[in-house]
Amino acid sequence: MLGGINKLKRILEGGEEQFSSEEYMMLYTTIYNMCTQKPPHDYSQQLYEKYREAFEEYINSTEGGFEHYSLSWVEKLKCDS
C-alpha cells in the first residue's frame, strides 16, 4: 500500500504515468480485503489513519497547504465495518 501512496504522490507531481488497470485492481483488492475481515484481522481503521496521514503530509508539503484541497473525499475512503 505504501508503494501505491508513493506512486500517487509522484502522479500528482506530474512525474509518473497513471496507475495501470492491473496496479489499481491489485491495490483496490488488497485494501478491500484488509477492510472486510472480521476482528481482530480488520485493518480498516489503521488503513484509514495511514492514508489520512500520508495525504495530510503531502498537502502540507505542497505550496499553499490545505487552502487548495478538501479532505471530504478522503473521508469517503474510510472503510465501513
Protein backbone atom coordinates (compact mmCIF):
# COMPACT_ATOMS: atom_id res chain seq x y z
CA MET A 1 0.00 0.00 0.00
CA LEU A 2 2.84 2.41 0.74
CA GLY A 3 4.11 1.86 -2.79
CA GLY A 4 0.69 2.91 -4.07
CA ILE A 5 0.69 6.06 -1.92
CA ASN A 6 4.19 6.97 -3.12
CA LYS A 7 3.20 6.42 -6.74
CA LEU A 8 0.11 8.61 -6.25
CA LYS A 9 2.33 11.40 -4.91
CA ARG A 10 4.56 11.14 -8.00
CA ILE A 11 1.49 11.19 -10.28
CA LEU A 12 0.17 14.31 -8.55
CA GLU A 13 3.55 15.96 -9.06
CA GLY A 14 3.49 15.09 -12.75
CA GLY A 15 6.41 12.70 -12.52
CA GLU A 16 4.77 9.41 -13.36
CA GLU A 17 2.05 7.92 -15.53
CA GLN A 18 -1.33 6.91 -14.11
CA PHE A 19 -1.88 3.58 -12.39
CA SER A 20 -2.29 0.73 -14.80
CA SER A 21 -5.51 -1.25 -14.54
CA GLU A 22 -3.55 -4.12 -13.00
CA GLU A 23 -1.90 -1.89 -10.37
CA TYR A 24 -5.20 -0.25 -9.48
CA MET A 25 -7.04 -3.55 -9.12
CA MET A 26 -4.24 -5.05 -7.03
CA LEU A 27 -4.29 -2.09 -4.61
CA TYR A 28 -8.08 -1.94 -4.51
CA THR A 29 -8.40 -5.67 -3.84
CA THR A 30 -5.71 -5.66 -1.14
CA ILE A 31 -7.28 -2.73 0.69
CA TYR A 32 -10.79 -4.14 0.30
CA ASN A 33 -9.69 -7.48 1.72
CA MET A 34 -7.94 -5.80 4.65
CA CYS A 35 -11.08 -3.78 5.44
CA THR A 36 -13.59 -6.62 5.30
CA GLN A 37 -12.02 -9.14 7.65
CA LYS A 38 -13.59 -9.97 10.98
CA PRO A 39 -11.83 -8.71 14.13
CA PRO A 40 -9.05 -8.98 15.10
CA HIS A 41 -7.95 -9.01 11.43
CA ASP A 42 -9.96 -5.93 10.38
CA TYR A 43 -7.42 -3.27 9.46
CA SER A 44 -9.84 -0.61 8.20
CA GLN A 45 -9.08 1.92 10.95
CA GLN A 46 -5.31 1.52 10.63
CA LEU A 47 -5.51 1.83 6.84
CA TYR A 48 -7.69 4.91 7.08
CA GLU A 49 -5.33 6.56 9.57
CA LYS A 50 -2.24 5.78 7.45
CA TYR A 51 -3.87 7.07 4.28
CA ARG A 52 -5.04 10.26 6.01
CA GLU A 53 -1.55 10.75 7.49
CA ALA A 54 0.08 10.36 4.06
CA PHE A 55 -2.47 12.70 2.46
CA GLU A 56 -2.00 15.39 5.12
CA GLU A 57 1.79 15.06 4.88
CA TYR A 58 1.65 15.53 1.11
CA ILE A 59 -0.73 18.50 1.29
CA ASN A 60 1.33 20.20 3.99
CA SER A 61 4.47 19.77 1.89
CA THR A 62 2.93 21.49 -1.15
CA GLU A 63 2.65 25.22 -1.66
CA GLY A 64 -0.50 26.59 -0.06
CA GLY A 65 -1.12 23.63 2.20
CA PHE A 66 -4.74 22.79 2.93
CA GLU A 67 -6.08 26.02 1.44
CA HIS A 68 -6.36 24.43 -2.00
CA TYR A 69 -7.65 21.00 -1.02
CA SER A 70 -10.58 19.42 0.75
CA LEU A 71 -10.39 16.28 2.86
CA SER A 72 -14.02 15.44 2.16
CA TRP A 73 -13.08 12.85 -0.47
CA VAL A 74 -10.61 11.25 1.95
CA GLU A 75 -13.43 10.82 4.46
CA LYS A 76 -15.25 8.73 1.85
CA LEU A 77 -12.31 6.32 1.70
CA LYS A 78 -12.87 5.14 5.25
CA CYS A 79 -13.97 1.54 5.10
CA ASP A 80 -17.30 0.68 6.67
CA SER A 81 -17.28 -2.24 9.06
